[in-house]
Amino acid sequence: MASIASGTSSPVPGTAAAPGIAQEIRLFWRRVFVAGFDPYRPELH
């Protein structure tokens, strides 16, 4: 029976920031849509 030994692999430099940026963009657009489609408008009350 063969055994497989795996070492730790380090992430590619420059890709570590990509998930954070994608999350930030997603959060921004979510806030835009929530603000744009929120039925409560204080100026109308």
PDB file of N, CA and C in Angstrom:
ATOM      1  N   MET A   1       0.851  -1.177   0.000  1.00  0.00           N
ATOM      2  CA  MET A   1       0.000   0.000   0.000  1.00  0.00           C
ATOM      3  C   MET A   1       0.895   1.238   0.000  1.00  0.00           C
ATOM      4  N   ALA A   2       0.561   2.193  -0.794  1.00  0.00           N
ATOM      5  CA  ALA A   2       1.352   3.413  -0.895  1.00  0.00           C
ATOM      6  C   ALA A   2       0.779   4.473   0.033  1.00  0.00           C
ATOM      7  N   SER A   3       1.656   5.235   0.604  1.00  0.00           N
ATOM      8  CA  SER A   3       1.197   6.344   1.441  1.00  0.00           C
ATOM      9  C   SER A   3       1.583   7.658   0.770  1.00  0.00           C
ATOM     10  N   ILE A   4       0.738   8.619   0.926  1.00  0.00           N
ATOM     11  CA  ILE A   4       0.968   9.923   0.309  1.00  0.00           C
ATOM     12  C   ILE A   4       1.233  10.929   1.416  1.00  0.00           C
ATOM     13  N   ALA A   5       2.361  11.576   1.321  1.00  0.00           N
ATOM     14  CA  ALA A   5       2.703  12.615   2.282  1.00  0.00           C
ATOM     15  C   ALA A   5       2.555  13.957   1.593  1.00  0.00           C
ATOM     16  N   SER A   6       1.830  14.831   2.218  1.00  0.00           N
ATOM     17  CA  SER A   6       1.663  16.149   1.615  1.00  0.00           C
ATOM     18  C   SER A   6       2.224  17.209   2.550  1.00  0.00           C
ATOM     19  N   GLY A   7       2.921  18.121   1.961  1.00  0.00           N
ATOM     20  CA  GLY A   7       3.458  19.236   2.718  1.00  0.00           C
ATOM     21  C   GLY A   7       2.472  20.391   2.698  1.00  0.00           C
ATOM     22  N   THR A   8       2.777  21.397   3.441  1.00  0.00           N
ATOM     23  CA  THR A   8       1.902  22.565   3.433  1.00  0.00           C
ATOM     24  C   THR A   8       2.160  23.360   2.165  1.00  0.00           C
ATOM     25  N   SER A   9       1.123  23.784   1.555  1.00  0.00           N
ATOM     26  CA  SER A   9       1.275  24.601   0.352  1.00  0.00           C
ATOM     27  C   SER A   9       0.926  26.038   0.694  1.00  0.00           C
ATOM     28  N   SER A  10       1.746  26.939   0.243  1.00  0.00           N
ATOM     29  CA  SER A  10       1.488  28.346   0.518  1.00  0.00           C
ATOM     30  C   SER A  10       0.643  28.931  -0.611  1.00  0.00           C
ATOM     31  N   PRO A  11      -0.245  29.856  -0.297  1.00  0.00           N
ATOM     32  CA  PRO A  11      -1.067  30.469  -1.343  1.00  0.00           C
ATOM     33  C   PRO A  11      -0.228  31.327  -2.282  1.00  0.00           C
ATOM     34  N   VAL A  12      -0.708  31.490  -3.463  1.00  0.00           N
ATOM     35  CA  VAL A  12      -0.016  32.298  -4.456  1.00  0.00           C
ATOM     36  C   VAL A  12      -0.085  33.757  -4.024  1.00  0.00           C
ATOM     37  N   PRO A  13       1.036  34.464  -4.015  1.00  0.00           N
ATOM     38  CA  PRO A  13       0.997  35.876  -3.622  1.00  0.00           C
ATOM     39  C   PRO A  13       0.133  36.693  -4.582  1.00  0.00           C
ATOM     40  N   GLY A  14      -0.650  37.579  -4.019  1.00  0.00           N
ATOM     41  CA  GLY A  14      -1.496  38.431  -4.847  1.00  0.00           C
ATOM     42  C   GLY A  14      -2.930  37.939  -4.929  1.00  0.00           C
ATOM     43  N   THR A  15      -3.176  36.678  -4.605  1.00  0.00           N
ATOM     44  CA  THR A  15      -4.545  36.168  -4.652  1.00  0.00           C
ATOM     45  C   THR A  15      -5.208  36.215  -3.286  1.00  0.00           C
ATOM     46  N   ALA A  16      -4.451  36.483  -2.246  1.00  0.00           N
ATOM     47  CA  ALA A  16      -5.020  36.520  -0.904  1.00  0.00           C
ATOM     48  C   ALA A  16      -5.976  37.698  -0.741  1.00  0.00           C
ATOM     49  N   ALA A  17      -5.762  38.793  -1.454  1.00  0.00           N
ATOM     50  CA  ALA A  17      -6.611  39.969  -1.319  1.00  0.00           C
ATOM     51  C   ALA A  17      -7.878  39.869  -2.158  1.00  0.00           C
ATOM     52  N   ALA A  18      -7.916  38.977  -3.127  1.00  0.00           N
ATOM     53  CA  ALA A  18      -9.063  38.885  -4.036  1.00  0.00           C
ATOM     54  C   ALA A  18     -10.375  38.543  -3.331  1.00  0.00           C
ATOM     55  N   PRO A  19     -10.437  37.560  -2.427  1.00  0.00           N
ATOM     56  CA  PRO A  19     -11.710  37.288  -1.765  1.00  0.00           C
ATOM     57  C   PRO A  19     -12.205  38.472  -0.938  1.00  0.00           C
ATOM     58  N   GLY A  20     -11.310  39.211  -0.328  1.00  0.00           N
ATOM     59  CA  GLY A  20     -11.709  40.379   0.440  1.00  0.00           C
ATOM     60  C   GLY A  20     -12.294  41.457  -0.451  1.00  0.00           C
ATOM     61  N   ILE A  21     -11.697  41.653  -1.607  1.00  0.00           N
ATOM     62  CA  ILE A  21     -12.188  42.655  -2.555  1.00  0.00           C
ATOM     63  C   ILE A  21     -13.544  42.238  -3.100  1.00  0.00           C
ATOM     64  N   ALA A  22     -13.683  40.951  -3.434  1.00  0.00           N
ATOM     65  CA  ALA A  22     -14.967  40.458  -3.944  1.00  0.00           C
ATOM     66  C   ALA A  22     -16.054  40.605  -2.891  1.00  0.00           C
ATOM     67  N   GLN A  23     -15.728  40.311  -1.653  1.00  0.00           N
ATOM     68  CA  GLN A  23     -16.698  40.456  -0.567  1.00  0.00           C
ATOM     69  C   GLN A  23     -17.076  41.923  -0.382  1.00  0.00           C
ATOM     70  N   GLU A  24     -16.098  42.802  -0.496  1.00  0.00           N
ATOM     71  CA  GLU A  24     -16.358  44.227  -0.342  1.00  0.00           C
ATOM     72  C   GLU A  24     -17.263  44.755  -1.456  1.00  0.00           C
ATOM     73  N   ILE A  25     -17.027  44.315  -2.677  1.00  0.00           N
ATOM     74  CA  ILE A  25     -17.869  44.735  -3.804  1.00  0.00           C
ATOM     75  C   ILE A  25     -19.284  44.206  -3.632  1.00  0.00           C
ATOM     76  N   ARG A  26     -19.401  42.951  -3.221  1.00  0.00           N
ATOM     77  CA  ARG A  26     -20.718  42.352  -2.999  1.00  0.00           C
ATOM     78  C   ARG A  26     -21.480  43.109  -1.902  1.00  0.00           C
ATOM     79  N   LEU A  27     -20.796  43.465  -0.826  1.00  0.00           N
ATOM     80  CA  LEU A  27     -21.431  44.209   0.254  1.00  0.00           C
ATOM     81  C   LEU A  27     -21.868  45.595  -0.218  1.00  0.00           C
ATOM     82  N   PHE A  28     -21.050  46.245  -1.032  1.00  0.00           N
ATOM     83  CA  PHE A  28     -21.404  47.556  -1.560  1.00  0.00           C
ATOM     84  C   PHE A  28     -22.686  47.486  -2.377  1.00  0.00           C
ATOM     85  N   TRP A  29     -22.755  46.535  -3.319  1.00  0.00           N
ATOM     86  CA  TRP A  29     -23.945  46.437  -4.169  1.00  0.00           C
ATOM     87  C   TRP A  29     -25.167  46.026  -3.372  1.00  0.00           C
ATOM     88  N   ARG A  30     -24.993  45.217  -2.343  1.00  0.00           N
ATOM     89  CA  ARG A  30     -26.124  44.847  -1.491  1.00  0.00           C
ATOM     90  C   ARG A  30     -26.679  46.089  -0.798  1.00  0.00           C
ATOM     91  N   ARG A  31     -25.778  46.948  -0.299  1.00  0.00           N
ATOM     92  CA  ARG A  31     -26.234  48.188   0.347  1.00  0.00           C
ATOM     93  C   ARG A  31     -26.934  49.106  -0.647  1.00  0.00           C
ATOM     94  N   VAL A  32     -26.447  49.177  -1.881  1.00  0.00           N
ATOM     95  CA  VAL A  32     -27.073  50.008  -2.909  1.00  0.00           C
ATOM     96  C   VAL A  32     -28.488  49.523  -3.183  1.00  0.00           C
ATOM     97  N   PHE A  33     -28.659  48.218  -3.359  1.00  0.00           N
ATOM     98  CA  PHE A  33     -29.989  47.684  -3.652  1.00  0.00           C
ATOM     99  C   PHE A  33     -30.934  47.824  -2.467  1.00  0.00           C
ATOM    100  N   VAL A  34     -30.430  47.622  -1.256  1.00  0.00           N
ATOM    101  CA  VAL A  34     -31.281  47.780  -0.075  1.00  0.00           C
ATOM    102  C   VAL A  34     -31.732  49.227   0.048  1.00  0.00           C
ATOM    103  N   ALA A  35     -30.833  50.167  -0.160  1.00  0.00           N
ATOM    104  CA  ALA A  35     -31.198  51.583  -0.072  1.00  0.00           C
ATOM    105  C   ALA A  35     -32.124  51.987  -1.215  1.00  0.00           C
ATOM    106  N   GLY A  36     -31.922  51.444  -2.389  1.00  0.00           N
ATOM    107  CA  GLY A  36     -32.722  51.815  -3.553  1.00  0.00           C
ATOM    108  C   GLY A  36     -34.128  51.255  -3.533  1.00  0.00           C
ATOM    109  N   PHE A  37     -34.304  50.076  -2.966  1.00  0.00           N
ATOM    110  CA  PHE A  37     -35.607  49.428  -2.989  1.00  0.00           C
ATOM    111  C   PHE A  37     -36.288  49.406  -1.627  1.00  0.00           C
ATOM    112  N   ASP A  38     -35.761  50.144  -0.673  1.00  0.00           N
ATOM    113  CA  ASP A  38     -36.391  50.231   0.640  1.00  0.00           C
ATOM    114  C   ASP A  38     -37.663  51.061   0.519  1.00  0.00           C
ATOM    115  N   PRO A  39     -38.824  50.511   0.918  1.00  0.00           N
ATOM    116  CA  PRO A  39     -40.080  51.250   0.750  1.00  0.00           C
ATOM    117  C   PRO A  39     -40.225  52.441   1.697  1.00  0.00           C
ATOM    118  N   TYR A  40     -39.439  52.490   2.765  1.00  0.00           N
ATOM    119  CA  TYR A  40     -39.556  53.594   3.712  1.00  0.00           C
ATOM    120  C   TYR A  40     -38.808  54.812   3.179  1.00  0.00           C
ATOM    121  N   ARG A  41     -39.520  55.891   2.999  1.00  0.00           N
ATOM    122  CA  ARG A  41     -38.924  57.147   2.542  1.00  0.00           C
ATOM    123  C   ARG A  41     -39.291  58.234   3.552  1.00  0.00           C
ATOM    124  N   PRO A  42     -38.343  58.672   4.371  1.00  0.00           N
ATOM    125  CA  PRO A  42     -38.653  59.667   5.399  1.00  0.00           C
ATOM    126  C   PRO A  42     -39.160  60.987   4.820  1.00  0.00           C
ATOM    127  N   GLU A  43     -38.759  61.339   3.614  1.00  0.00           N
ATOM    128  CA  GLU A  43     -39.209  62.612   3.049  1.00  0.00           C
ATOM    129  C   GLU A  43     -40.689  62.579   2.671  1.00  0.00           C
ATOM    130  N   LEU A  44     -41.271  61.391   2.583  1.00  0.00           N
ATOM    131  CA  LEU A  44     -42.687  61.276   2.251  1.00  0.00           C
ATOM    132  C   LEU A  44     -43.578  61.224   3.496  1.00  0.00           C
ATOM    133  N   HIS A  45     -43.007  61.116   4.668  1.00  0.00           N
ATOM    134  CA  HIS A  45     -43.800  61.019   5.898  1.00  0.00           C
ATOM    135  C   HIS A  45     -43.820  62.323   6.645  1.00  0.00           C
TER     136      HIS A  45
END
